[in-house]
Amino acid sequence: MAHVNYPTSSPYYLTPQNSWRIGYYVDRPIPADSTDTVFTVTPKYQYRPDKLSYDIYGYPVYYWVFMQRNIDIIRDPIYDMIVGITIYIPTYTRLQNLGF
């Protein structure tokens, strides 16, 4: 297996690997902040965190950020994104400051 360099936008960026396997997943937590936006999921974004990520950040690759910021509400980044749940969304500037 070739060594993969995961981009900073990937949830696997901090996960170690060697020439033949990826290591145990290393979490990338996103702590609460006063700049976070409160958002209630609408039918447009049900099961589509990638679409929400694109509409907010301009990139679909940040779909996993919603799970990391709302870990007590969202355990599965896709199927727990259902209509009516209220989540916190970090700003793009804050993601950049966190190294994402």
C-alpha atoms as a PDB file:
ATOM      1  CA  MET A   1       0.000   0.000   0.000  1.00  0.00           C
ATOM      2  CA  ALA A   2       1.318   3.397  -0.922  1.00  0.00           C
ATOM      3  CA  HIS A   3       1.622   6.133   1.673  1.00  0.00           C
ATOM      4  CA  VAL A   4      -1.283   8.560   1.312  1.00  0.00           C
ATOM      5  CA  ASN A   5      -0.885  12.189   2.286  1.00  0.00           C
ATOM      6  CA  TYR A   6      -4.313  13.215   3.498  1.00  0.00           C
ATOM      7  CA  PRO A   7      -5.155  16.899   3.010  1.00  0.00           C
ATOM      8  CA  THR A   8      -5.813  19.115   6.037  1.00  0.00           C
ATOM      9  CA  SER A   9      -9.521  19.057   5.104  1.00  0.00           C
ATOM     10  CA  SER A  10      -9.669  15.297   5.728  1.00  0.00           C
ATOM     11  CA  PRO A  11     -10.860  13.727   8.983  1.00  0.00           C
ATOM     12  CA  TYR A  12      -7.867  11.331   8.625  1.00  0.00           C
ATOM     13  CA  TYR A  13      -5.219  14.063   8.481  1.00  0.00           C
ATOM     14  CA  LEU A  14      -3.816  13.274  11.962  1.00  0.00           C
ATOM     15  CA  THR A  15      -4.215   9.489  11.715  1.00  0.00           C
ATOM     16  CA  PRO A  16      -0.817   7.775  11.582  1.00  0.00           C
ATOM     17  CA  GLN A  17       0.156   5.384   8.846  1.00  0.00           C
ATOM     18  CA  ASN A  18       3.145   3.460   7.652  1.00  0.00           C
ATOM     19  CA  SER A  19       4.015   1.847   4.328  1.00  0.00           C
ATOM     20  CA  TRP A  20       1.512  -0.992   4.671  1.00  0.00           C
ATOM     21  CA  ARG A  21      -1.407   0.157   6.853  1.00  0.00           C
ATOM     22  CA  ILE A  22      -3.260   3.085   8.335  1.00  0.00           C
ATOM     23  CA  GLY A  23      -3.172   3.333  12.128  1.00  0.00           C
ATOM     24  CA  TYR A  24      -5.955   3.863  14.615  1.00  0.00           C
ATOM     25  CA  TYR A  25      -8.106   6.862  13.833  1.00  0.00           C
ATOM     26  CA  VAL A  26      -7.040  10.059  15.615  1.00  0.00           C
ATOM     27  CA  ASP A  27      -9.987  12.345  16.337  1.00  0.00           C
ATOM     28  CA  ARG A  28      -9.941  15.996  15.266  1.00  0.00           C
ATOM     29  CA  PRO A  29     -12.189  17.687  17.823  1.00  0.00           C
ATOM     30  CA  ILE A  30     -13.841  21.034  17.209  1.00  0.00           C
ATOM     31  CA  PRO A  31     -14.526  22.790  20.520  1.00  0.00           C
ATOM     32  CA  ALA A  32     -17.508  25.087  21.067  1.00  0.00           C
ATOM     33  CA  ASP A  33     -17.032  28.743  20.245  1.00  0.00           C
ATOM     34  CA  SER A  34     -19.155  31.887  20.458  1.00  0.00           C
ATOM     35  CA  THR A  35     -18.827  32.365  16.681  1.00  0.00           C
ATOM     36  CA  ASP A  36     -20.640  29.085  15.921  1.00  0.00           C
ATOM     37  CA  THR A  37     -23.932  29.436  14.083  1.00  0.00           C
ATOM     38  CA  VAL A  38     -27.043  27.607  15.274  1.00  0.00           C
ATOM     39  CA  PHE A  39     -28.716  25.771  12.380  1.00  0.00           C
ATOM     40  CA  THR A  40     -31.818  23.584  12.160  1.00  0.00           C
ATOM     41  CA  VAL A  41     -31.543  20.954   9.424  1.00  0.00           C
ATOM     42  CA  THR A  42     -34.079  21.436   6.620  1.00  0.00           C
ATOM     43  CA  PRO A  43     -35.321  18.838   4.095  1.00  0.00           C
ATOM     44  CA  LYS A  44     -32.763  20.134   1.557  1.00  0.00           C
ATOM     45  CA  TYR A  45     -29.917  18.884   3.781  1.00  0.00           C
ATOM     46  CA  GLN A  46     -31.375  15.676   5.188  1.00  0.00           C
ATOM     47  CA  TYR A  47     -28.728  12.954   4.718  1.00  0.00           C
ATOM     48  CA  ARG A  48     -26.643  15.506   2.761  1.00  0.00           C
ATOM     49  CA  PRO A  49     -23.962  17.024   4.973  1.00  0.00           C
ATOM     50  CA  ASP A  50     -21.835  17.365   1.837  1.00  0.00           C
ATOM     51  CA  LYS A  51     -24.406  19.714   0.324  1.00  0.00           C
ATOM     52  CA  LEU A  52     -24.582  21.779   3.521  1.00  0.00           C
ATOM     53  CA  SER A  53     -20.784  21.922   3.613  1.00  0.00           C
ATOM     54  CA  TYR A  54     -20.700  23.122   0.011  1.00  0.00           C
ATOM     55  CA  ASP A  55     -23.349  25.788   0.610  1.00  0.00           C
ATOM     56  CA  ILE A  56     -21.594  27.102   3.741  1.00  0.00           C
ATOM     57  CA  TYR A  57     -17.892  26.622   3.047  1.00  0.00           C
ATOM     58  CA  GLY A  58     -17.782  26.277  -0.734  1.00  0.00           C
ATOM     59  CA  TYR A  59     -16.331  22.747  -0.425  1.00  0.00           C
ATOM     60  CA  PRO A  60     -18.185  19.450   0.138  1.00  0.00           C
ATOM     61  CA  VAL A  61     -15.154  17.870   1.856  1.00  0.00           C
ATOM     62  CA  TYR A  62     -16.016  19.437   5.213  1.00  0.00           C
ATOM     63  CA  TYR A  63     -19.129  17.223   5.619  1.00  0.00           C
ATOM     64  CA  TRP A  64     -17.522  15.553   8.656  1.00  0.00           C
ATOM     65  CA  VAL A  65     -17.112  18.852  10.543  1.00  0.00           C
ATOM     66  CA  PHE A  66     -20.799  18.877  11.529  1.00  0.00           C
ATOM     67  CA  MET A  67     -20.411  15.511  13.252  1.00  0.00           C
ATOM     68  CA  GLN A  68     -17.210  16.559  15.022  1.00  0.00           C
ATOM     69  CA  ARG A  69     -18.688  19.818  16.320  1.00  0.00           C
ATOM     70  CA  ASN A  70     -21.992  18.137  17.343  1.00  0.00           C
ATOM     71  CA  ILE A  71     -20.665  14.767  18.510  1.00  0.00           C
ATOM     72  CA  ASP A  72     -23.357  14.494  21.200  1.00  0.00           C
ATOM     73  CA  ILE A  73     -26.104  14.791  18.528  1.00  0.00           C
ATOM     74  CA  ILE A  74     -24.581  13.330  15.357  1.00  0.00           C
ATOM     75  CA  ARG A  75     -22.813   9.960  15.557  1.00  0.00           C
ATOM     76  CA  ASP A  76     -23.155   9.077  11.865  1.00  0.00           C
ATOM     77  CA  PRO A  77     -22.239  12.034   9.627  1.00  0.00           C
ATOM     78  CA  ILE A  78     -24.817  11.122   6.988  1.00  0.00           C
ATOM     79  CA  TYR A  79     -27.761   9.237   8.479  1.00  0.00           C
ATOM     80  CA  ASP A  80     -28.009  11.292  11.675  1.00  0.00           C
ATOM     81  CA  MET A  81     -28.376  14.483   9.635  1.00  0.00           C
ATOM     82  CA  ILE A  82     -32.168  14.512   9.750  1.00  0.00           C
ATOM     83  CA  VAL A  83     -34.793  17.226   9.418  1.00  0.00           C
ATOM     84  CA  GLY A  84     -35.438  19.158  12.602  1.00  0.00           C
ATOM     85  CA  ILE A  85     -32.224  18.589  14.545  1.00  0.00           C
ATOM     86  CA  THR A  86     -30.441  21.725  15.654  1.00  0.00           C
ATOM     87  CA  ILE A  87     -26.678  21.787  15.278  1.00  0.00           C
ATOM     88  CA  TYR A  88     -23.812  24.231  15.682  1.00  0.00           C
ATOM     89  CA  ILE A  89     -21.790  25.172  12.621  1.00  0.00           C
ATOM     90  CA  PRO A  90     -18.270  26.588  12.996  1.00  0.00           C
ATOM     91  CA  THR A  91     -17.198  29.410  10.714  1.00  0.00           C
ATOM     92  CA  TYR A  92     -14.794  28.741   7.865  1.00  0.00           C
ATOM     93  CA  THR A  93     -12.292  31.148   9.427  1.00  0.00           C
ATOM     94  CA  ARG A  94     -12.319  29.108  12.621  1.00  0.00           C
ATOM     95  CA  LEU A  95     -11.769  25.879  10.673  1.00  0.00           C
ATOM     96  CA  GLN A  96      -8.752  27.487   9.057  1.00  0.00           C
ATOM     97  CA  ASN A  97      -7.458  28.634  12.444  1.00  0.00           C
ATOM     98  CA  LEU A  98      -7.816  25.052  13.730  1.00  0.00           C
ATOM     99  CA  GLY A  99      -5.699  23.843  10.804  1.00  0.00           C
ATOM    100  CA  PHE A 100      -8.504  22.369   8.707  1.00  0.00           C
END
